[in-house]
Amino acid sequence: MKMRLNSFKRPSDQAGVSLLEVLISVLVLAIGILGIAALQAITLKNAGSSASRTQASIQVYSMFDIIRGNRGNISGYNTNTFVAGDGTGDPGSMAAWLNSLQTTIAPDAMGRVICTPDTQICEVGVRWSDERATGGSQTQEIVIRSRI
């Protein structure tokens, strides 16, 4: 009597599992890459906002240098409120400084100078809207006080 071997194989319990593992791995990897891309976008946005704050600080100290160059006219620099540049002004003047705020920081940047001639103390400030700031558009302001 001949014995016949059954050519029918029973399906393995593991069929398709490795494909499912690969698909899940690809999904996890894709989510991770999207997270890194979002983190990079936020970093770039905050770097631009930081650059504006740095420029504002530089511009404040630039105004202090302008005032120190003309101490005799210390009260002539007072604005008492934030004002914007009008596109005119000689280099080294208050008007030129106000214009440079708009070109280096933001188009809506404004400056303020309050000097007290008796004490030789001046307060210089810069204000601008920063749409790149965390949490949406926010008004940023830097004010520094110094004895001239």
C-alpha atoms as a PDB file:
ATOM      1  CA  MET A   1       0.000   0.000   0.000  1.00  0.00           C
ATOM      2  CA  LYS A   2       1.209   3.344  -0.911  1.00  0.00           C
ATOM      3  CA  MET A   3       1.147   6.175   1.477  1.00  0.00           C
ATOM      4  CA  ARG A   4       0.213   9.458   0.087  1.00  0.00           C
ATOM      5  CA  LEU A   5       1.569  12.560   1.545  1.00  0.00           C
ATOM      6  CA  ASN A   6      -0.889  15.287   1.855  1.00  0.00           C
ATOM      7  CA  SER A   7       0.339  18.277  -0.118  1.00  0.00           C
ATOM      8  CA  PHE A   8      -1.995  20.582   1.704  1.00  0.00           C
ATOM      9  CA  LYS A   9      -0.194  22.844   4.188  1.00  0.00           C
ATOM     10  CA  ARG A  10      -1.901  24.394   7.037  1.00  0.00           C
ATOM     11  CA  PRO A  11      -1.647  28.226   6.976  1.00  0.00           C
ATOM     12  CA  SER A  12       0.710  29.666   9.493  1.00  0.00           C
ATOM     13  CA  ASP A  13      -0.680  31.668  12.372  1.00  0.00           C
ATOM     14  CA  GLN A  14       1.883  34.382  11.639  1.00  0.00           C
ATOM     15  CA  ALA A  15       0.845  35.146   8.064  1.00  0.00           C
ATOM     16  CA  GLY A  16       0.791  38.927   7.394  1.00  0.00           C
ATOM     17  CA  VAL A  17       2.000  39.917  10.854  1.00  0.00           C
ATOM     18  CA  SER A  18       5.396  41.120   9.666  1.00  0.00           C
ATOM     19  CA  LEU A  19       3.699  43.323   7.055  1.00  0.00           C
ATOM     20  CA  LEU A  20       1.515  44.837   9.761  1.00  0.00           C
ATOM     21  CA  GLU A  21       4.596  45.500  11.906  1.00  0.00           C
ATOM     22  CA  VAL A  22       6.265  47.297   9.001  1.00  0.00           C
ATOM     23  CA  LEU A  23       3.169  49.441   8.384  1.00  0.00           C
ATOM     24  CA  ILE A  24       2.981  50.437  12.048  1.00  0.00           C
ATOM     25  CA  SER A  25       6.693  51.266  12.046  1.00  0.00           C
ATOM     26  CA  VAL A  26       6.260  53.473   8.973  1.00  0.00           C
ATOM     27  CA  LEU A  27       3.312  55.233  10.640  1.00  0.00           C
ATOM     28  CA  VAL A  28       5.313  55.909  13.820  1.00  0.00           C
ATOM     29  CA  LEU A  29       8.246  57.160  11.745  1.00  0.00           C
ATOM     30  CA  ALA A  30       5.960  59.479   9.727  1.00  0.00           C
ATOM     31  CA  ILE A  31       4.461  60.960  12.899  1.00  0.00           C
ATOM     32  CA  GLY A  32       7.959  61.521  14.279  1.00  0.00           C
ATOM     33  CA  ILE A  33       9.113  63.263  11.104  1.00  0.00           C
ATOM     34  CA  LEU A  34       6.024  65.508  11.149  1.00  0.00           C
ATOM     35  CA  GLY A  35       6.782  66.401  14.766  1.00  0.00           C
ATOM     36  CA  ILE A  36      10.362  67.321  13.907  1.00  0.00           C
ATOM     37  CA  ALA A  37       9.159  69.453  10.966  1.00  0.00           C
ATOM     38  CA  ALA A  38       6.710  71.308  13.226  1.00  0.00           C
ATOM     39  CA  LEU A  39       9.451  71.868  15.805  1.00  0.00           C
ATOM     40  CA  GLN A  40      11.726  73.263  13.089  1.00  0.00           C
ATOM     41  CA  ALA A  41       9.001  75.656  11.897  1.00  0.00           C
ATOM     42  CA  ILE A  42       8.430  76.955  15.431  1.00  0.00           C
ATOM     43  CA  THR A  43      12.178  77.374  15.916  1.00  0.00           C
ATOM     44  CA  LEU A  44      12.478  79.457  12.747  1.00  0.00           C
ATOM     45  CA  LYS A  45       9.542  81.637  13.780  1.00  0.00           C
ATOM     46  CA  ASN A  46      10.989  82.260  17.238  1.00  0.00           C
ATOM     47  CA  ALA A  47      14.440  82.976  15.785  1.00  0.00           C
ATOM     48  CA  GLY A  48      12.930  85.778  13.698  1.00  0.00           C
ATOM     49  CA  SER A  49      11.205  87.192  16.755  1.00  0.00           C
ATOM     50  CA  SER A  50      14.456  87.025  18.695  1.00  0.00           C
ATOM     51  CA  ALA A  51      16.267  88.862  15.899  1.00  0.00           C
ATOM     52  CA  SER A  52      13.733  91.699  16.153  1.00  0.00           C
ATOM     53  CA  ARG A  53      14.300  91.989  19.908  1.00  0.00           C
ATOM     54  CA  THR A  54      18.061  92.047  19.361  1.00  0.00           C
ATOM     55  CA  GLN A  55      17.752  94.776  16.732  1.00  0.00           C
ATOM     56  CA  ALA A  56      15.510  96.797  19.057  1.00  0.00           C
ATOM     57  CA  SER A  57      18.132  96.624  21.796  1.00  0.00           C
ATOM     58  CA  ILE A  58      20.854  97.688  19.352  1.00  0.00           C
ATOM     59  CA  GLN A  59      18.703 100.609  18.184  1.00  0.00           C
ATOM     60  CA  VAL A  60      18.079 101.772  21.765  1.00  0.00           C
ATOM     61  CA  TYR A  61      21.813 101.929  22.436  1.00  0.00           C
ATOM     62  CA  SER A  62      22.278 103.682  19.090  1.00  0.00           C
ATOM     63  CA  MET A  63      19.919 106.428  20.273  1.00  0.00           C
ATOM     64  CA  PHE A  64      21.888 106.739  23.514  1.00  0.00           C
ATOM     65  CA  ASP A  65      25.013 107.303  21.402  1.00  0.00           C
ATOM     66  CA  ILE A  66      23.219 110.010  19.396  1.00  0.00           C
ATOM     67  CA  ILE A  67      22.157 111.759  22.615  1.00  0.00           C
ATOM     68  CA  ARG A  68      25.654 111.494  24.108  1.00  0.00           C
ATOM     69  CA  GLY A  69      27.035 113.098  20.960  1.00  0.00           C
ATOM     70  CA  ASN A  70      24.888 116.183  21.577  1.00  0.00           C
ATOM     71  CA  ARG A  71      24.484 116.491  25.358  1.00  0.00           C
ATOM     72  CA  GLY A  72      23.782 120.206  25.087  1.00  0.00           C
ATOM     73  CA  ASN A  73      20.481 119.466  23.367  1.00  0.00           C
ATOM     74  CA  ILE A  74      19.395 116.662  25.696  1.00  0.00           C
ATOM     75  CA  SER A  75      15.862 118.000  26.086  1.00  0.00           C
ATOM     76  CA  GLY A  76      15.486 118.315  22.296  1.00  0.00           C
ATOM     77  CA  TYR A  77      15.189 114.541  21.970  1.00  0.00           C
ATOM     78  CA  ASN A  78      12.103 114.190  24.174  1.00  0.00           C
ATOM     79  CA  THR A  79       9.113 112.612  22.479  1.00  0.00           C
ATOM     80  CA  ASN A  80       7.314 111.509  25.693  1.00  0.00           C
ATOM     81  CA  THR A  81       5.166 109.136  23.602  1.00  0.00           C
ATOM     82  CA  PHE A  82       5.949 106.485  21.029  1.00  0.00           C
ATOM     83  CA  VAL A  83       6.244 108.066  17.575  1.00  0.00           C
ATOM     84  CA  ALA A  84       6.968 106.650  14.131  1.00  0.00           C
ATOM     85  CA  GLY A  85       9.449 107.898  11.563  1.00  0.00           C
ATOM     86  CA  ASP A  86       8.309 109.975   8.601  1.00  0.00           C
ATOM     87  CA  GLY A  87      10.994 108.943   6.110  1.00  0.00           C
ATOM     88  CA  THR A  88      13.132 112.051   6.511  1.00  0.00           C
ATOM     89  CA  GLY A  89      16.077 113.042   8.648  1.00  0.00           C
ATOM     90  CA  ASP A  90      19.810 113.468   8.540  1.00  0.00           C
ATOM     91  CA  PRO A  91      22.036 110.615   9.729  1.00  0.00           C
ATOM     92  CA  GLY A  92      22.534 110.895  13.464  1.00  0.00           C
ATOM     93  CA  SER A  93      19.230 112.685  14.020  1.00  0.00           C
ATOM     94  CA  MET A  94      16.139 111.636  15.904  1.00  0.00           C
ATOM     95  CA  ALA A  95      14.140 111.380  12.644  1.00  0.00           C
ATOM     96  CA  ALA A  96      16.769 109.127  11.051  1.00  0.00           C
ATOM     97  CA  TRP A  97      16.741 106.927  14.151  1.00  0.00           C
ATOM     98  CA  LEU A  98      12.952 106.596  14.000  1.00  0.00           C
ATOM     99  CA  ASN A  99      13.191 105.637  10.316  1.00  0.00           C
ATOM    100  CA  SER A 100      15.867 103.042  11.044  1.00  0.00           C
ATOM    101  CA  LEU A 101      13.530 101.408  13.574  1.00  0.00           C
ATOM    102  CA  GLN A 102      11.077 100.732  10.763  1.00  0.00           C
ATOM    103  CA  THR A 103      13.715  99.295   8.436  1.00  0.00           C
ATOM    104  CA  THR A 104      15.569  97.119  10.957  1.00  0.00           C
ATOM    105  CA  ILE A 105      12.833  95.927  13.329  1.00  0.00           C
ATOM    106  CA  ALA A 106       9.345  96.128  11.814  1.00  0.00           C
ATOM    107  CA  PRO A 107       7.396  98.477   9.533  1.00  0.00           C
ATOM    108  CA  ASP A 108       5.239  99.585  12.470  1.00  0.00           C
ATOM    109  CA  ALA A 109       8.119 100.131  14.936  1.00  0.00           C
ATOM    110  CA  MET A 110       8.004 103.323  16.986  1.00  0.00           C
ATOM    111  CA  GLY A 111      10.465 104.958  19.354  1.00  0.00           C
ATOM    112  CA  ARG A 112      10.254 107.059  22.484  1.00  0.00           C
ATOM    113  CA  VAL A 113      12.818 109.190  24.283  1.00  0.00           C
ATOM    114  CA  ILE A 114      12.321 110.822  27.665  1.00  0.00           C
ATOM    115  CA  CYS A 115      15.289 112.810  28.982  1.00  0.00           C
ATOM    116  CA  THR A 116      15.552 114.793  32.186  1.00  0.00           C
ATOM    117  CA  PRO A 117      18.185 117.535  31.718  1.00  0.00           C
ATOM    118  CA  ASP A 118      18.670 118.108  35.467  1.00  0.00           C
ATOM    119  CA  THR A 119      19.628 114.509  36.239  1.00  0.00           C
ATOM    120  CA  GLN A 120      21.050 113.670  32.778  1.00  0.00           C
ATOM    121  CA  ILE A 121      18.973 110.470  32.800  1.00  0.00           C
ATOM    122  CA  CYS A 122      17.303 109.327  29.593  1.00  0.00           C
ATOM    123  CA  GLU A 123      14.854 106.540  28.956  1.00  0.00           C
ATOM    124  CA  VAL A 124      14.749 105.201  25.405  1.00  0.00           C
ATOM    125  CA  GLY A 125      12.104 102.744  24.269  1.00  0.00           C
ATOM    126  CA  VAL A 126      11.103 100.879  21.142  1.00  0.00           C
ATOM    127  CA  ARG A 127       7.684  99.307  20.492  1.00  0.00           C
ATOM    128  CA  TRP A 128       6.579  97.092  17.599  1.00  0.00           C
ATOM    129  CA  SER A 129       4.060  94.375  16.735  1.00  0.00           C
ATOM    130  CA  ASP A 130       5.553  90.931  16.402  1.00  0.00           C
ATOM    131  CA  GLU A 131       3.272  88.493  14.599  1.00  0.00           C
ATOM    132  CA  ARG A 132       5.969  85.827  14.938  1.00  0.00           C
ATOM    133  CA  ALA A 133       5.778  85.903  18.730  1.00  0.00           C
ATOM    134  CA  THR A 134       4.519  82.814  20.496  1.00  0.00           C
ATOM    135  CA  GLY A 135       0.777  83.084  20.965  1.00  0.00           C
ATOM    136  CA  GLY A 136       0.066  85.273  17.936  1.00  0.00           C
ATOM    137  CA  SER A 137       0.528  88.966  17.261  1.00  0.00           C
ATOM    138  CA  GLN A 138       1.803  90.719  20.337  1.00  0.00           C
ATOM    139  CA  THR A 139       3.121  94.187  21.029  1.00  0.00           C
ATOM    140  CA  GLN A 140       6.751  93.961  22.046  1.00  0.00           C
ATOM    141  CA  GLU A 141       8.512  96.744  23.914  1.00  0.00           C
ATOM    142  CA  ILE A 142      12.057  97.366  25.080  1.00  0.00           C
ATOM    143  CA  VAL A 143      12.797 100.297  27.384  1.00  0.00           C
ATOM    144  CA  ILE A 144      16.265 101.059  28.735  1.00  0.00           C
ATOM    145  CA  ARG A 145      17.225 103.841  31.134  1.00  0.00           C
ATOM    146  CA  SER A 146      20.712 105.314  31.341  1.00  0.00           C
ATOM    147  CA  ARG A 147      22.611 108.282  32.712  1.00  0.00           C
ATOM    148  CA  ILE A 148      24.064 110.264  29.824  1.00  0.00           C
END
